[in-house]
Amino acid sequence: MSGDAVVEHYSHGSLEQRILEALAVMGADPEHLEPDQLAPVDEFHVGGRSATGRAG
């Protein structure tokens, strides 16, 4: 994937909203998330799931 394609994929403007909507469908409260609830999207940052666990 080219750099431009990566930028386009992650900057379409609705990624955060899509994640919040998916969490709502799961019944998750965005203000009180558990690492397991973030597992489907935790690869968007360095450190993956283990970093998500350390942040909680």
PDB file of N, CA and C in Angstrom:
ATOM      1  N   MET A   1       0.859  -1.163   0.000  1.00  0.00           N
ATOM      2  CA  MET A   1       0.000   0.000   0.000  1.00  0.00           C
ATOM      3  C   MET A   1       0.904   1.224   0.000  1.00  0.00           C
ATOM      4  N   SER A   2       0.620   2.185  -0.850  1.00  0.00           N
ATOM      5  CA  SER A   2       1.437   3.394  -0.920  1.00  0.00           C
ATOM      6  C   SER A   2       1.133   4.309   0.260  1.00  0.00           C
ATOM      7  N   GLY A   3       2.042   5.236   0.525  1.00  0.00           N
ATOM      8  CA  GLY A   3       1.836   6.204   1.608  1.00  0.00           C
ATOM      9  C   GLY A   3       0.547   6.981   1.428  1.00  0.00           C
ATOM     10  N   ASP A   4       0.246   7.370   0.185  1.00  0.00           N
ATOM     11  CA  ASP A   4      -0.990   8.111  -0.081  1.00  0.00           C
ATOM     12  C   ASP A   4      -2.221   7.267   0.233  1.00  0.00           C
ATOM     13  N   ALA A   5      -2.170   5.989  -0.082  1.00  0.00           N
ATOM     14  CA  ALA A   5      -3.305   5.101   0.177  1.00  0.00           C
ATOM     15  C   ALA A   5      -3.527   4.937   1.679  1.00  0.00           C
ATOM     16  N   VAL A   6      -2.434   4.866   2.438  1.00  0.00           N
ATOM     17  CA  VAL A   6      -2.553   4.738   3.890  1.00  0.00           C
ATOM     18  C   VAL A   6      -3.176   5.996   4.473  1.00  0.00           C
ATOM     19  N   VAL A   7      -2.686   7.154   4.056  1.00  0.00           N
ATOM     20  CA  VAL A   7      -3.239   8.426   4.530  1.00  0.00           C
ATOM     21  C   VAL A   7      -4.716   8.520   4.187  1.00  0.00           C
ATOM     22  N   GLU A   8      -5.071   8.171   2.968  1.00  0.00           N
ATOM     23  CA  GLU A   8      -6.475   8.228   2.551  1.00  0.00           C
ATOM     24  C   GLU A   8      -7.342   7.286   3.391  1.00  0.00           C
ATOM     25  N   HIS A   9      -6.839   6.088   3.646  1.00  0.00           N
ATOM     26  CA  HIS A   9      -7.603   5.104   4.414  1.00  0.00           C
ATOM     27  C   HIS A   9      -7.904   5.591   5.828  1.00  0.00           C
ATOM     28  N   TYR A  10      -6.911   6.190   6.483  1.00  0.00           N
ATOM     29  CA  TYR A  10      -7.075   6.587   7.882  1.00  0.00           C
ATOM     30  C   TYR A  10      -7.538   8.023   8.076  1.00  0.00           C
ATOM     31  N   SER A  11      -7.707   8.777   7.018  1.00  0.00           N
ATOM     32  CA  SER A  11      -8.093  10.178   7.186  1.00  0.00           C
ATOM     33  C   SER A  11      -9.410  10.516   6.497  1.00  0.00           C
ATOM     34  N   HIS A  12     -10.236   9.522   6.291  1.00  0.00           N
ATOM     35  CA  HIS A  12     -11.500   9.781   5.614  1.00  0.00           C
ATOM     36  C   HIS A  12     -12.505  10.512   6.498  1.00  0.00           C
ATOM     37  N   GLY A  13     -12.144  10.737   7.754  1.00  0.00           N
ATOM     38  CA  GLY A  13     -12.948  11.580   8.615  1.00  0.00           C
ATOM     39  C   GLY A  13     -13.949  10.872   9.501  1.00  0.00           C
ATOM     40  N   SER A  14     -14.162   9.585   9.293  1.00  0.00           N
ATOM     41  CA  SER A  14     -15.197   8.937  10.099  1.00  0.00           C
ATOM     42  C   SER A  14     -14.681   7.725  10.876  1.00  0.00           C
ATOM     43  N   LEU A  15     -13.378   7.515  10.922  1.00  0.00           N
ATOM     44  CA  LEU A  15     -12.855   6.339  11.609  1.00  0.00           C
ATOM     45  C   LEU A  15     -13.230   6.354  13.088  1.00  0.00           C
ATOM     46  N   GLU A  16     -13.022   7.480  13.752  1.00  0.00           N
ATOM     47  CA  GLU A  16     -13.370   7.556  15.175  1.00  0.00           C
ATOM     48  C   GLU A  16     -14.859   7.289  15.380  1.00  0.00           C
ATOM     49  N   GLN A  17     -15.682   7.895  14.554  1.00  0.00           N
ATOM     50  CA  GLN A  17     -17.130   7.693  14.677  1.00  0.00           C
ATOM     51  C   GLN A  17     -17.501   6.234  14.453  1.00  0.00           C
ATOM     52  N   ARG A  18     -16.872   5.589  13.492  1.00  0.00           N
ATOM     53  CA  ARG A  18     -17.163   4.177  13.216  1.00  0.00           C
ATOM     54  C   ARG A  18     -16.771   3.296  14.396  1.00  0.00           C
ATOM     55  N   ILE A  19     -15.648   3.605  15.034  1.00  0.00           N
ATOM     56  CA  ILE A  19     -15.228   2.838  16.205  1.00  0.00           C
ATOM     57  C   ILE A  19     -16.213   3.049  17.350  1.00  0.00           C
ATOM     58  N   LEU A  20     -16.609   4.297  17.590  1.00  0.00           N
ATOM     59  CA  LEU A  20     -17.573   4.580  18.655  1.00  0.00           C
ATOM     60  C   LEU A  20     -18.907   3.888  18.399  1.00  0.00           C
ATOM     61  N   GLU A  21     -19.341   3.870  17.150  1.00  0.00           N
ATOM     62  CA  GLU A  21     -20.590   3.182  16.806  1.00  0.00           C
ATOM     63  C   GLU A  21     -20.475   1.681  17.054  1.00  0.00           C
ATOM     64  N   ALA A  22     -19.333   1.099  16.702  1.00  0.00           N
ATOM     65  CA  ALA A  22     -19.135  -0.336  16.923  1.00  0.00           C
ATOM     66  C   ALA A  22     -19.119  -0.651  18.421  1.00  0.00           C
ATOM     67  N   LEU A  23     -18.494   0.210  19.207  1.00  0.00           N
ATOM     68  CA  LEU A  23     -18.491   0.015  20.656  1.00  0.00           C
ATOM     69  C   LEU A  23     -19.905   0.099  21.216  1.00  0.00           C
ATOM     70  N   ALA A  24     -20.710   1.027  20.698  1.00  0.00           N
ATOM     71  CA  ALA A  24     -22.090   1.151  21.151  1.00  0.00           C
ATOM     72  C   ALA A  24     -22.884  -0.112  20.825  1.00  0.00           C
ATOM     73  N   VAL A  25     -22.666  -0.678  19.642  1.00  0.00           N
ATOM     74  CA  VAL A  25     -23.354  -1.916  19.254  1.00  0.00           C
ATOM     75  C   VAL A  25     -22.979  -3.041  20.222  1.00  0.00           C
ATOM     76  N   MET A  26     -21.723  -3.026  20.683  1.00  0.00           N
ATOM     77  CA  MET A  26     -21.262  -4.030  21.643  1.00  0.00           C
ATOM     78  C   MET A  26     -21.826  -3.781  23.038  1.00  0.00           C
ATOM     79  N   GLY A  27     -22.437  -2.623  23.233  1.00  0.00           N
ATOM     80  CA  GLY A  27     -22.948  -2.275  24.556  1.00  0.00           C
ATOM     81  C   GLY A  27     -21.892  -1.663  25.457  1.00  0.00           C
ATOM     82  N   ALA A  28     -20.780  -1.230  24.882  1.00  0.00           N
ATOM     83  CA  ALA A  28     -19.684  -0.657  25.653  1.00  0.00           C
ATOM     84  C   ALA A  28     -19.923   0.826  25.914  1.00  0.00           C
ATOM     85  N   ASP A  29     -19.511   1.276  27.082  1.00  0.00           N
ATOM     86  CA  ASP A  29     -19.580   2.688  27.446  1.00  0.00           C
ATOM     87  C   ASP A  29     -18.224   3.308  27.126  1.00  0.00           C
ATOM     88  N   PRO A  30     -18.133   4.200  26.146  1.00  0.00           N
ATOM     89  CA  PRO A  30     -16.849   4.795  25.755  1.00  0.00           C
ATOM     90  C   PRO A  30     -16.116   5.491  26.904  1.00  0.00           C
ATOM     91  N   GLU A  31     -16.837   5.870  27.942  1.00  0.00           N
ATOM     92  CA  GLU A  31     -16.210   6.527  29.083  1.00  0.00           C
ATOM     93  C   GLU A  31     -15.610   5.529  30.076  1.00  0.00           C
ATOM     94  N   HIS A  32     -15.972   4.244  29.930  1.00  0.00           N
ATOM     95  CA  HIS A  32     -15.497   3.211  30.862  1.00  0.00           C
ATOM     96  C   HIS A  32     -15.199   1.920  30.101  1.00  0.00           C
ATOM     97  N   LEU A  33     -14.181   1.972  29.257  1.00  0.00           N
ATOM     98  CA  LEU A  33     -13.835   0.828  28.424  1.00  0.00           C
ATOM     99  C   LEU A  33     -12.864  -0.104  29.126  1.00  0.00           C
ATOM    100  N   GLU A  34     -12.950  -1.361  28.783  1.00  0.00           N
ATOM    101  CA  GLU A  34     -12.028  -2.389  29.247  1.00  0.00           C
ATOM    102  C   GLU A  34     -11.131  -2.787  28.072  1.00  0.00           C
ATOM    103  N   PRO A  35      -9.907  -3.223  28.345  1.00  0.00           N
ATOM    104  CA  PRO A  35      -9.009  -3.621  27.252  1.00  0.00           C
ATOM    105  C   PRO A  35      -9.628  -4.634  26.287  1.00  0.00           C
ATOM    106  N   ASP A  36     -10.386  -5.600  26.794  1.00  0.00           N
ATOM    107  CA  ASP A  36     -10.992  -6.596  25.907  1.00  0.00           C
ATOM    108  C   ASP A  36     -11.978  -5.967  24.926  1.00  0.00           C
ATOM    109  N   GLN A  37     -12.608  -4.884  25.316  1.00  0.00           N
ATOM    110  CA  GLN A  37     -13.553  -4.214  24.426  1.00  0.00           C
ATOM    111  C   GLN A  37     -12.826  -3.488  23.300  1.00  0.00           C
ATOM    112  N   LEU A  38     -11.581  -3.116  23.538  1.00  0.00           N
ATOM    113  CA  LEU A  38     -10.797  -2.411  22.523  1.00  0.00           C
ATOM    114  C   LEU A  38      -9.993  -3.344  21.633  1.00  0.00           C
ATOM    115  N   ALA A  39      -9.978  -4.624  21.969  1.00  0.00           N
ATOM    116  CA  ALA A  39      -9.166  -5.581  21.225  1.00  0.00           C
ATOM    117  C   ALA A  39      -9.382  -5.528  19.712  1.00  0.00           C
ATOM    118  N   PRO A  40     -10.622  -5.369  19.220  1.00  0.00           N
ATOM    119  CA  PRO A  40     -10.790  -5.343  17.764  1.00  0.00           C
ATOM    120  C   PRO A  40     -10.125  -4.158  17.070  1.00  0.00           C
ATOM    121  N   VAL A  41      -9.810  -3.098  17.815  1.00  0.00           N
ATOM    122  CA  VAL A  41      -9.225  -1.910  17.180  1.00  0.00           C
ATOM    123  C   VAL A  41      -7.894  -1.496  17.788  1.00  0.00           C
ATOM    124  N   ASP A  42      -7.320  -2.309  18.659  1.00  0.00           N
ATOM    125  CA  ASP A  42      -6.120  -1.865  19.357  1.00  0.00           C
ATOM    126  C   ASP A  42      -4.844  -1.942  18.537  1.00  0.00           C
ATOM    127  N   GLU A  43      -4.897  -2.428  17.349  1.00  0.00           N
ATOM    128  CA  GLU A  43      -3.693  -2.484  16.517  1.00  0.00           C
ATOM    129  C   GLU A  43      -3.432  -1.177  15.775  1.00  0.00           C
ATOM    130  N   PHE A  44      -4.203  -0.142  16.053  1.00  0.00           N
ATOM    131  CA  PHE A  44      -3.993   1.144  15.397  1.00  0.00           C
ATOM    132  C   PHE A  44      -2.892   1.957  16.054  1.00  0.00           C
ATOM    133  N   HIS A  45      -2.237   1.419  17.074  1.00  0.00           N
ATOM    134  CA  HIS A  45      -1.178   2.143  17.752  1.00  0.00           C
ATOM    135  C   HIS A  45      -0.008   1.197  18.003  1.00  0.00           C
ATOM    136  N   VAL A  46       1.115   1.774  18.309  1.00  0.00           N
ATOM    137  CA  VAL A  46       2.304   0.985  18.603  1.00  0.00           C
ATOM    138  C   VAL A  46       2.096   0.246  19.922  1.00  0.00           C
ATOM    139  N   GLY A  47       2.402  -1.001  19.952  1.00  0.00           N
ATOM    140  CA  GLY A  47       2.310  -1.775  21.174  1.00  0.00           C
ATOM    141  C   GLY A  47       1.136  -2.727  21.203  1.00  0.00           C
ATOM    142  N   GLY A  48       0.168  -2.546  20.295  1.00  0.00           N
ATOM    143  CA  GLY A  48      -0.960  -3.459  20.196  1.00  0.00           C
ATOM    144  C   GLY A  48      -1.727  -3.628  21.489  1.00  0.00           C
ATOM    145  N   ARG A  49      -2.268  -4.817  21.669  1.00  0.00           N
ATOM    146  CA  ARG A  49      -3.150  -5.091  22.810  1.00  0.00           C
ATOM    147  C   ARG A  49      -2.438  -4.950  24.157  1.00  0.00           C
ATOM    148  N   SER A  50      -1.173  -5.307  24.220  1.00  0.00           N
ATOM    149  CA  SER A  50      -0.485  -5.189  25.500  1.00  0.00           C
ATOM    150  C   SER A  50      -0.373  -3.730  25.939  1.00  0.00           C
ATOM    151  N   ALA A  51      -0.181  -2.816  24.990  1.00  0.00           N
ATOM    152  CA  ALA A  51      -0.131  -1.385  25.338  1.00  0.00           C
ATOM    153  C   ALA A  51      -1.499  -0.899  25.788  1.00  0.00           C
ATOM    154  N   THR A  52      -2.560  -1.418  25.193  1.00  0.00           N
ATOM    155  CA  THR A  52      -3.910  -1.050  25.622  1.00  0.00           C
ATOM    156  C   THR A  52      -4.110  -1.480  27.064  1.00  0.00           C
ATOM    157  N   GLY A  53      -3.680  -2.652  27.414  1.00  0.00           N
ATOM    158  CA  GLY A  53      -3.807  -3.140  28.792  1.00  0.00           C
ATOM    159  C   GLY A  53      -3.026  -2.302  29.780  1.00  0.00           C
ATOM    160  N   ARG A  54      -1.845  -1.865  29.393  1.00  0.00           N
ATOM    161  CA  ARG A  54      -1.035  -1.037  30.292  1.00  0.00           C
ATOM    162  C   ARG A  54      -1.639   0.352  30.475  1.00  0.00           C
ATOM    163  N   ALA A  55      -2.378   0.839  29.485  1.00  0.00           N
ATOM    164  CA  ALA A  55      -2.975   2.176  29.570  1.00  0.00           C
ATOM    165  C   ALA A  55      -4.150   2.217  30.530  1.00  0.00           C
ATOM    166  N   GLY A  56      -4.797   1.067  30.768  1.00  0.00           N
ATOM    167  CA  GLY A  56      -5.977   1.015  31.623  1.00  0.00           C
ATOM    168  C   GLY A  56      -5.598   0.985  33.019  1.00  0.00           C
TER     169      GLY A  56
END
